[in-house]
mmCIF file of all heavy atoms, coordinates in Angstrom:
data_MODEL
# 
_entry.id   MODEL 
# 
loop_
_atom_site.group_PDB 
_atom_site.id 
_atom_site.type_symbol 
_atom_site.label_atom_id 
_atom_site.label_alt_id 
_atom_site.label_comp_id 
_atom_site.label_asym_id 
_atom_site.label_entity_id 
_atom_site.label_seq_id 
_atom_site.pdbx_PDB_ins_code 
_atom_site.Cartn_x 
_atom_site.Cartn_y 
_atom_site.Cartn_z 
_atom_site.occupancy 
_atom_site.B_iso_or_equiv 
_atom_site.pdbx_formal_charge 
_atom_site.auth_seq_id 
_atom_site.auth_comp_id 
_atom_site.auth_asym_id 
_atom_site.auth_atom_id 
_atom_site.pdbx_PDB_model_num 
ATOM 1   N N   . ALA A 1 1  ? 108.605 103.913 113.913 1.00 0.00 ? 1  ALA A N   1 
ATOM 2   C CA  . ALA A 1 1  ? 107.926 105.214 113.856 1.00 0.00 ? 1  ALA A CA  1 
ATOM 3   C C   . ALA A 1 1  ? 106.635 105.174 114.660 1.00 0.00 ? 1  ALA A C   1 
ATOM 4   O O   . ALA A 1 1  ? 106.287 106.151 115.337 1.00 0.00 ? 1  ALA A O   1 
ATOM 5   C CB  . ALA A 1 1  ? 107.639 105.600 112.406 1.00 0.00 ? 1  ALA A CB  1 
ATOM 6   N N   . LEU A 1 2  ? 105.925 104.053 114.606 1.00 0.00 ? 2  LEU A N   1 
ATOM 7   C CA  . LEU A 1 2  ? 104.676 103.922 115.364 1.00 0.00 ? 2  LEU A CA  1 
ATOM 8   C C   . LEU A 1 2  ? 104.948 104.023 116.858 1.00 0.00 ? 2  LEU A C   1 
ATOM 9   O O   . LEU A 1 2  ? 104.222 104.712 117.585 1.00 0.00 ? 2  LEU A O   1 
ATOM 10  C CB  . LEU A 1 2  ? 103.993 102.586 115.038 1.00 0.00 ? 2  LEU A CB  1 
ATOM 11  C CG  . LEU A 1 2  ? 102.686 102.305 115.777 1.00 0.00 ? 2  LEU A CG  1 
ATOM 12  C CD1 . LEU A 1 2  ? 101.629 103.332 115.419 1.00 0.00 ? 2  LEU A CD1 1 
ATOM 13  C CD2 . LEU A 1 2  ? 102.183 100.893 115.454 1.00 0.00 ? 2  LEU A CD2 1 
ATOM 14  N N   . ARG A 1 3  ? 106.005 103.373 117.305 1.00 0.00 ? 3  ARG A N   1 
ATOM 15  C CA  . ARG A 1 3  ? 106.370 103.434 118.731 1.00 0.00 ? 3  ARG A CA  1 
ATOM 16  C C   . ARG A 1 3  ? 106.669 104.860 119.161 1.00 0.00 ? 3  ARG A C   1 
ATOM 17  O O   . ARG A 1 3  ? 106.181 105.333 120.198 1.00 0.00 ? 3  ARG A O   1 
ATOM 18  C CB  . ARG A 1 3  ? 107.598 102.550 118.960 1.00 0.00 ? 3  ARG A CB  1 
ATOM 19  C CG  . ARG A 1 3  ? 108.132 102.542 120.405 1.00 0.00 ? 3  ARG A CG  1 
ATOM 20  C CD  . ARG A 1 3  ? 109.562 102.065 120.428 1.00 0.00 ? 3  ARG A CD  1 
ATOM 21  N NE  . ARG A 1 3  ? 110.423 102.949 119.657 1.00 0.00 ? 3  ARG A NE  1 
ATOM 22  C CZ  . ARG A 1 3  ? 111.442 102.541 118.900 1.00 0.00 ? 3  ARG A CZ  1 
ATOM 23  N NH1 . ARG A 1 3  ? 111.715 101.256 118.776 1.00 0.00 ? 3  ARG A NH1 1 
ATOM 24  N NH2 . ARG A 1 3  ? 112.180 103.427 118.253 1.00 0.00 ? 3  ARG A NH2 1 
ATOM 25  N N   . ASP A 1 4  ? 107.476 105.576 118.372 1.00 0.00 ? 4  ASP A N   1 
ATOM 26  C CA  . ASP A 1 4  ? 107.832 106.956 118.712 1.00 0.00 ? 4  ASP A CA  1 
ATOM 27  C C   . ASP A 1 4  ? 106.603 107.862 118.678 1.00 0.00 ? 4  ASP A C   1 
ATOM 28  O O   . ASP A 1 4  ? 106.465 108.768 119.513 1.00 0.00 ? 4  ASP A O   1 
ATOM 29  C CB  . ASP A 1 4  ? 108.887 107.483 117.741 1.00 0.00 ? 4  ASP A CB  1 
ATOM 30  C CG  . ASP A 1 4  ? 110.222 106.750 117.867 1.00 0.00 ? 4  ASP A CG  1 
ATOM 31  O OD1 . ASP A 1 4  ? 110.443 106.103 118.908 1.00 0.00 ? 4  ASP A OD1 1 
ATOM 32  O OD2 . ASP A 1 4  ? 111.018 106.814 116.910 1.00 0.00 ? 4  ASP A OD2 1 
ATOM 33  N N   . ALA A 1 5  ? 105.709 107.621 117.715 1.00 0.00 ? 5  ALA A N   1 
ATOM 34  C CA  . ALA A 1 5  ? 104.505 108.438 117.601 1.00 0.00 ? 5  ALA A CA  1 
ATOM 35  C C   . ALA A 1 5  ? 103.579 108.224 118.793 1.00 0.00 ? 5  ALA A C   1 
ATOM 36  O O   . ALA A 1 5  ? 103.043 109.193 119.360 1.00 0.00 ? 5  ALA A O   1 
ATOM 37  C CB  . ALA A 1 5  ? 103.774 108.106 116.306 1.00 0.00 ? 5  ALA A CB  1 
ATOM 38  N N   . VAL A 1 6  ? 103.387 106.984 119.185 1.00 0.00 ? 6  VAL A N   1 
ATOM 39  C CA  . VAL A 1 6  ? 102.516 106.685 120.327 1.00 0.00 ? 6  VAL A CA  1 
ATOM 40  C C   . VAL A 1 6  ? 103.095 107.289 121.602 1.00 0.00 ? 6  VAL A C   1 
ATOM 41  O O   . VAL A 1 6  ? 102.355 107.848 122.433 1.00 0.00 ? 6  VAL A O   1 
ATOM 42  C CB  . VAL A 1 6  ? 102.312 105.168 120.477 1.00 0.00 ? 6  VAL A CB  1 
ATOM 43  C CG1 . VAL A 1 6  ? 101.587 104.844 121.782 1.00 0.00 ? 6  VAL A CG1 1 
ATOM 44  C CG2 . VAL A 1 6  ? 101.527 104.612 119.293 1.00 0.00 ? 6  VAL A CG2 1 
ATOM 45  N N   . ALA A 1 7  ? 104.415 107.225 121.752 1.00 0.00 ? 7  ALA A N   1 
ATOM 46  C CA  . ALA A 1 7  ? 105.050 107.825 122.925 1.00 0.00 ? 7  ALA A CA  1 
ATOM 47  C C   . ALA A 1 7  ? 104.803 109.334 122.961 1.00 0.00 ? 7  ALA A C   1 
ATOM 48  O O   . ALA A 1 7  ? 104.536 109.911 124.029 1.00 0.00 ? 7  ALA A O   1 
ATOM 49  C CB  . ALA A 1 7  ? 106.548 107.527 122.914 1.00 0.00 ? 7  ALA A CB  1 
ATOM 50  N N   . ALA A 1 8  ? 104.887 109.990 121.799 1.00 0.00 ? 8  ALA A N   1 
ATOM 51  C CA  . ALA A 1 8  ? 104.627 111.434 121.733 1.00 0.00 ? 8  ALA A CA  1 
ATOM 52  C C   . ALA A 1 8  ? 103.177 111.740 122.086 1.00 0.00 ? 8  ALA A C   1 
ATOM 53  O O   . ALA A 1 8  ? 102.886 112.709 122.808 1.00 0.00 ? 8  ALA A O   1 
ATOM 54  C CB  . ALA A 1 8  ? 104.956 111.965 120.340 1.00 0.00 ? 8  ALA A CB  1 
ATOM 55  N N   . LEU A 1 9  ? 102.255 110.926 121.595 1.00 0.00 ? 9  LEU A N   1 
ATOM 56  C CA  . LEU A 1 9  ? 100.836 111.120 121.921 1.00 0.00 ? 9  LEU A CA  1 
ATOM 57  C C   . LEU A 1 9  ? 100.603 110.941 123.413 1.00 0.00 ? 9  LEU A C   1 
ATOM 58  O O   . LEU A 1 9  ? 99.830  111.685 124.035 1.00 0.00 ? 9  LEU A O   1 
ATOM 59  C CB  . LEU A 1 9  ? 99.977  110.135 121.131 1.00 0.00 ? 9  LEU A CB  1 
ATOM 60  C CG  . LEU A 1 9  ? 99.871  110.396 119.622 1.00 0.00 ? 9  LEU A CG  1 
ATOM 61  C CD1 . LEU A 1 9  ? 99.214  109.218 118.921 1.00 0.00 ? 9  LEU A CD1 1 
ATOM 62  C CD2 . LEU A 1 9  ? 99.090  111.679 119.343 1.00 0.00 ? 9  LEU A CD2 1 
ATOM 63  N N   . GLN A 1 10 ? 101.268 109.982 124.002 1.00 0.00 ? 10 GLN A N   1 
ATOM 64  C CA  . GLN A 1 10 ? 101.096 109.741 125.432 1.00 0.00 ? 10 GLN A CA  1 
ATOM 65  C C   . GLN A 1 10 ? 101.647 110.892 126.264 1.00 0.00 ? 10 GLN A C   1 
ATOM 66  O O   . GLN A 1 10 ? 101.257 111.064 127.423 1.00 0.00 ? 10 GLN A O   1 
ATOM 67  C CB  . GLN A 1 10 ? 101.762 108.416 125.818 1.00 0.00 ? 10 GLN A CB  1 
ATOM 68  C CG  . GLN A 1 10 ? 101.024 107.201 125.261 1.00 0.00 ? 10 GLN A CG  1 
ATOM 69  C CD  . GLN A 1 10 ? 101.775 105.896 125.460 1.00 0.00 ? 10 GLN A CD  1 
ATOM 70  O OE1 . GLN A 1 10 ? 103.003 105.886 125.648 1.00 0.00 ? 10 GLN A OE1 1 
ATOM 71  N NE2 . GLN A 1 10 ? 101.067 104.789 125.418 1.00 0.00 ? 10 GLN A NE2 1 
ATOM 72  N N   . ARG A 1 11 ? 102.523 111.690 125.663 1.00 0.00 ? 11 ARG A N   1 
ATOM 73  C CA  . ARG A 1 11 ? 103.020 112.900 126.337 1.00 0.00 ? 11 ARG A CA  1 
ATOM 74  C C   . ARG A 1 11 ? 102.082 114.077 126.105 1.00 0.00 ? 11 ARG A C   1 
ATOM 75  O O   . ARG A 1 11 ? 102.332 115.182 126.582 1.00 0.00 ? 11 ARG A O   1 
ATOM 76  C CB  . ARG A 1 11 ? 104.417 113.265 125.819 1.00 0.00 ? 11 ARG A CB  1 
ATOM 77  C CG  . ARG A 1 11 ? 105.504 112.265 126.160 1.00 0.00 ? 11 ARG A CG  1 
ATOM 78  C CD  . ARG A 1 11 ? 106.881 112.859 125.909 1.00 0.00 ? 11 ARG A CD  1 
ATOM 79  N NE  . ARG A 1 11 ? 107.081 113.253 124.520 1.00 0.00 ? 11 ARG A NE  1 
ATOM 80  C CZ  . ARG A 1 11 ? 107.589 112.463 123.576 1.00 0.00 ? 11 ARG A CZ  1 
ATOM 81  N NH1 . ARG A 1 11 ? 107.911 111.208 123.874 1.00 0.00 ? 11 ARG A NH1 1 
ATOM 82  N NH2 . ARG A 1 11 ? 107.753 112.907 122.347 1.00 0.00 ? 11 ARG A NH2 1 
ATOM 83  N N   . GLY A 1 12 ? 101.001 113.860 125.326 1.00 0.00 ? 12 GLY A N   1 
ATOM 84  C CA  . GLY A 1 12 ? 100.030 114.921 125.086 1.00 0.00 ? 12 GLY A CA  1 
ATOM 85  C C   . GLY A 1 12 ? 100.281 115.738 123.845 1.00 0.00 ? 12 GLY A C   1 
ATOM 86  O O   . GLY A 1 12 ? 99.683  116.810 123.667 1.00 0.00 ? 12 GLY A O   1 
ATOM 87  N N   . GLU A 1 13 ? 101.128 115.248 122.928 1.00 0.00 ? 13 GLU A N   1 
ATOM 88  C CA  . GLU A 1 13 ? 101.439 115.991 121.713 1.00 0.00 ? 13 GLU A CA  1 
ATOM 89  C C   . GLU A 1 13 ? 100.334 115.844 120.661 1.00 0.00 ? 13 GLU A C   1 
ATOM 90  O O   . GLU A 1 13 ? 99.548  114.892 120.689 1.00 0.00 ? 13 GLU A O   1 
ATOM 91  C CB  . GLU A 1 13 ? 102.753 115.486 121.104 1.00 0.00 ? 13 GLU A CB  1 
ATOM 92  C CG  . GLU A 1 13 ? 103.966 115.634 122.010 1.00 0.00 ? 13 GLU A CG  1 
ATOM 93  C CD  . GLU A 1 13 ? 104.502 117.056 122.052 1.00 0.00 ? 13 GLU A CD  1 
ATOM 94  O OE1 . GLU A 1 13 ? 103.850 117.966 121.500 1.00 0.00 ? 13 GLU A OE1 1 
ATOM 95  O OE2 . GLU A 1 13 ? 105.587 117.257 122.628 1.00 0.00 ? 13 GLU A OE2 1 
ATOM 96  N N   . VAL A 1 14 ? 100.314 116.798 119.722 1.00 0.00 ? 14 VAL A N   1 
ATOM 97  C CA  . VAL A 1 14 ? 99.470  116.705 118.527 1.00 0.00 ? 14 VAL A CA  1 
ATOM 98  C C   . VAL A 1 14 ? 100.371 116.310 117.366 1.00 0.00 ? 14 VAL A C   1 
ATOM 99  O O   . VAL A 1 14 ? 101.370 116.978 117.093 1.00 0.00 ? 14 VAL A O   1 
ATOM 100 C CB  . VAL A 1 14 ? 98.779  118.044 118.211 1.00 0.00 ? 14 VAL A CB  1 
ATOM 101 C CG1 . VAL A 1 14 ? 98.005  117.942 116.898 1.00 0.00 ? 14 VAL A CG1 1 
ATOM 102 C CG2 . VAL A 1 14 ? 97.835  118.431 119.333 1.00 0.00 ? 14 VAL A CG2 1 
ATOM 103 N N   . LEU A 1 15 ? 100.027 115.216 116.688 1.00 0.00 ? 15 LEU A N   1 
ATOM 104 C CA  . LEU A 1 15 ? 100.826 114.738 115.566 1.00 0.00 ? 15 LEU A CA  1 
ATOM 105 C C   . LEU A 1 15 ? 100.108 115.011 114.254 1.00 0.00 ? 15 LEU A C   1 
ATOM 106 O O   . LEU A 1 15 ? 98.884  114.920 114.175 1.00 0.00 ? 15 LEU A O   1 
ATOM 107 C CB  . LEU A 1 15 ? 101.087 113.234 115.701 1.00 0.00 ? 15 LEU A CB  1 
ATOM 108 C CG  . LEU A 1 15 ? 101.839 112.763 116.944 1.00 0.00 ? 15 LEU A CG  1 
ATOM 109 C CD1 . LEU A 1 15 ? 102.170 111.284 116.825 1.00 0.00 ? 15 LEU A CD1 1 
ATOM 110 C CD2 . LEU A 1 15 ? 103.103 113.586 117.175 1.00 0.00 ? 15 LEU A CD2 1 
ATOM 111 N N   . GLY A 1 16 ? 100.888 115.326 113.231 1.00 0.00 ? 16 GLY A N   1 
ATOM 112 C CA  . GLY A 1 16 ? 100.344 115.520 111.888 1.00 0.00 ? 16 GLY A CA  1 
ATOM 113 C C   . GLY A 1 16 ? 100.753 114.369 110.995 1.00 0.00 ? 16 GLY A C   1 
ATOM 114 O O   . GLY A 1 16 ? 101.907 113.923 111.031 1.00 0.00 ? 16 GLY A O   1 
ATOM 115 N N   . MET A 1 17 ? 99.813  113.882 110.194 1.00 0.00 ? 17 MET A N   1 
ATOM 116 C CA  . MET A 1 17 ? 100.057 112.716 109.342 1.00 0.00 ? 17 MET A CA  1 
ATOM 117 C C   . MET A 1 17 ? 99.471  112.933 107.950 1.00 0.00 ? 17 MET A C   1 
ATOM 118 O O   . MET A 1 17 ? 98.408  113.539 107.807 1.00 0.00 ? 17 MET A O   1 
ATOM 119 C CB  . MET A 1 17 ? 99.399  111.468 109.948 1.00 0.00 ? 17 MET A CB  1 
ATOM 120 C CG  . MET A 1 17 ? 100.236 110.767 111.003 1.00 0.00 ? 17 MET A CG  1 
ATOM 121 S SD  . MET A 1 17 ? 101.557 109.801 110.267 1.00 0.00 ? 17 MET A SD  1 
ATOM 122 C CE  . MET A 1 17 ? 100.613 108.550 109.377 1.00 0.00 ? 17 MET A CE  1 
ATOM 123 N N   . PHE A 1 18 ? 100.161 112.403 106.954 1.00 0.00 ? 18 PHE A N   1 
ATOM 124 C CA  . PHE A 1 18 ? 99.632  112.328 105.595 1.00 0.00 ? 18 PHE A CA  1 
ATOM 125 C C   . PHE A 1 18 ? 99.393  110.851 105.299 1.00 0.00 ? 18 PHE A C   1 
ATOM 126 O O   . PHE A 1 18 ? 100.324 110.134 104.902 1.00 0.00 ? 18 PHE A O   1 
ATOM 127 C CB  . PHE A 1 18 ? 100.625 112.917 104.584 1.00 0.00 ? 18 PHE A CB  1 
ATOM 128 C CG  . PHE A 1 18 ? 100.969 114.365 104.838 1.00 0.00 ? 18 PHE A CG  1 
ATOM 129 C CD1 . PHE A 1 18 ? 102.222 114.722 105.307 1.00 0.00 ? 18 PHE A CD1 1 
ATOM 130 C CD2 . PHE A 1 18 ? 100.031 115.356 104.614 1.00 0.00 ? 18 PHE A CD2 1 
ATOM 131 C CE1 . PHE A 1 18 ? 102.540 116.042 105.542 1.00 0.00 ? 18 PHE A CE1 1 
ATOM 132 C CE2 . PHE A 1 18 ? 100.333 116.686 104.850 1.00 0.00 ? 18 PHE A CE2 1 
ATOM 133 C CZ  . PHE A 1 18 ? 101.595 117.045 105.314 1.00 0.00 ? 18 PHE A CZ  1 
ATOM 134 N N   . PRO A 1 19 ? 98.180  110.361 105.508 1.00 0.00 ? 19 PRO A N   1 
ATOM 135 C CA  . PRO A 1 19 ? 97.922  108.920 105.359 1.00 0.00 ? 19 PRO A CA  1 
ATOM 136 C C   . PRO A 1 19 ? 98.286  108.356 103.995 1.00 0.00 ? 19 PRO A C   1 
ATOM 137 O O   . PRO A 1 19 ? 98.625  107.174 103.883 1.00 0.00 ? 19 PRO A O   1 
ATOM 138 C CB  . PRO A 1 19 ? 96.411  108.799 105.614 1.00 0.00 ? 19 PRO A CB  1 
ATOM 139 C CG  . PRO A 1 19 ? 96.083  109.983 106.454 1.00 0.00 ? 19 PRO A CG  1 
ATOM 140 C CD  . PRO A 1 19 ? 96.977  111.076 105.968 1.00 0.00 ? 19 PRO A CD  1 
ATOM 141 N N   . GLU A 1 20 ? 98.232  109.196 102.947 1.00 0.00 ? 20 GLU A N   1 
ATOM 142 C CA  . GLU A 1 20 ? 98.606  108.704 101.615 1.00 0.00 ? 20 GLU A CA  1 
ATOM 143 C C   . GLU A 1 20 ? 100.116 108.526 101.493 1.00 0.00 ? 20 GLU A C   1 
ATOM 144 O O   . GLU A 1 20 ? 100.588 107.890 100.549 1.00 0.00 ? 20 GLU A O   1 
ATOM 145 C CB  . GLU A 1 20 ? 98.106  109.663 100.546 1.00 0.00 ? 20 GLU A CB  1 
ATOM 146 C CG  . GLU A 1 20 ? 96.597  109.773 100.469 1.00 0.00 ? 20 GLU A CG  1 
ATOM 147 C CD  . GLU A 1 20 ? 96.161  110.927 99.584  1.00 0.00 ? 20 GLU A CD  1 
ATOM 148 O OE1 . GLU A 1 20 ? 96.112  112.075 100.077 1.00 0.00 ? 20 GLU A OE1 1 
ATOM 149 O OE2 . GLU A 1 20 ? 95.872  110.673 98.406  1.00 0.00 ? 20 GLU A OE2 1 
ATOM 150 N N   . SER A 1 21 ? 100.856 109.117 102.420 1.00 0.00 ? 21 SER A N   1 
ATOM 151 C CA  . SER A 1 21 ? 102.316 108.993 102.555 1.00 0.00 ? 21 SER A CA  1 
ATOM 152 C C   . SER A 1 21 ? 103.112 109.649 101.426 1.00 0.00 ? 21 SER A C   1 
ATOM 153 O O   . SER A 1 21 ? 104.340 109.654 101.455 1.00 0.00 ? 21 SER A O   1 
ATOM 154 C CB  . SER A 1 21 ? 102.742 107.522 102.692 1.00 0.00 ? 21 SER A CB  1 
ATOM 155 O OG  . SER A 1 21 ? 102.712 106.838 101.459 1.00 0.00 ? 21 SER A OG  1 
ATOM 156 N N   . THR A 1 22 ? 102.460 110.232 100.460 1.00 0.00 ? 22 THR A N   1 
ATOM 157 C CA  . THR A 1 22 ? 103.142 110.940 99.383  1.00 0.00 ? 22 THR A CA  1 
ATOM 158 C C   . THR A 1 22 ? 102.181 111.945 98.760  1.00 0.00 ? 22 THR A C   1 
ATOM 159 O O   . THR A 1 22 ? 100.959 111.844 98.947  1.00 0.00 ? 22 THR A O   1 
ATOM 160 C CB  . THR A 1 22 ? 103.635 109.966 98.297  1.00 0.00 ? 22 THR A CB  1 
ATOM 161 O OG1 . THR A 1 22 ? 104.465 110.662 97.363  1.00 0.00 ? 22 THR A OG1 1 
ATOM 162 C CG2 . THR A 1 22 ? 102.460 109.327 97.535  1.00 0.00 ? 22 THR A CG2 1 
ATOM 163 N N   . ILE A 1 23 ? 102.725 112.918 98.045  1.00 0.00 ? 23 ILE A N   1 
ATOM 164 C CA  . ILE A 1 23 ? 101.877 113.877 97.335  1.00 0.00 ? 23 ILE A CA  1 
ATOM 165 C C   . ILE A 1 23 ? 101.117 113.158 96.238  1.00 0.00 ? 23 ILE A C   1 
ATOM 166 O O   . ILE A 1 23 ? 101.685 112.418 95.443  1.00 0.00 ? 23 ILE A O   1 
ATOM 167 C CB  . ILE A 1 23 ? 102.726 115.018 96.750  1.00 0.00 ? 23 ILE A CB  1 
ATOM 168 C CG1 . ILE A 1 23 ? 103.280 115.896 97.879  1.00 0.00 ? 23 ILE A CG1 1 
ATOM 169 C CG2 . ILE A 1 23 ? 101.909 115.866 95.775  1.00 0.00 ? 23 ILE A CG2 1 
ATOM 170 C CD1 . ILE A 1 23 ? 104.242 116.978 97.407  1.00 0.00 ? 23 ILE A CD1 1 
ATOM 171 N N   . ASN A 1 24 ? 99.804  113.371 96.205  1.00 0.00 ? 24 ASN A N   1 
ATOM 172 C CA  . ASN A 1 24 ? 98.957  112.745 95.208  1.00 0.00 ? 24 ASN A CA  1 
ATOM 173 C C   . ASN A 1 24 ? 98.857  113.670 93.999  1.00 0.00 ? 24 ASN A C   1 
ATOM 174 O O   . ASN A 1 24 ? 98.277  114.744 94.065  1.00 0.00 ? 24 ASN A O   1 
ATOM 175 C CB  . ASN A 1 24 ? 97.568  112.483 95.791  1.00 0.00 ? 24 ASN A CB  1 
ATOM 176 C CG  . ASN A 1 24 ? 96.727  111.590 94.913  1.00 0.00 ? 24 ASN A CG  1 
ATOM 177 O OD1 . ASN A 1 24 ? 96.747  111.718 93.695  1.00 0.00 ? 24 ASN A OD1 1 
ATOM 178 N ND2 . ASN A 1 24 ? 95.976  110.687 95.524  1.00 0.00 ? 24 ASN A ND2 1 
# 
């Protein structure tokens, strides 16, 4: 997932993330 995310960023995309990875 990190590889795919970095590739998307390198294409100029905006990525959304939930660092807690689940609903708190």
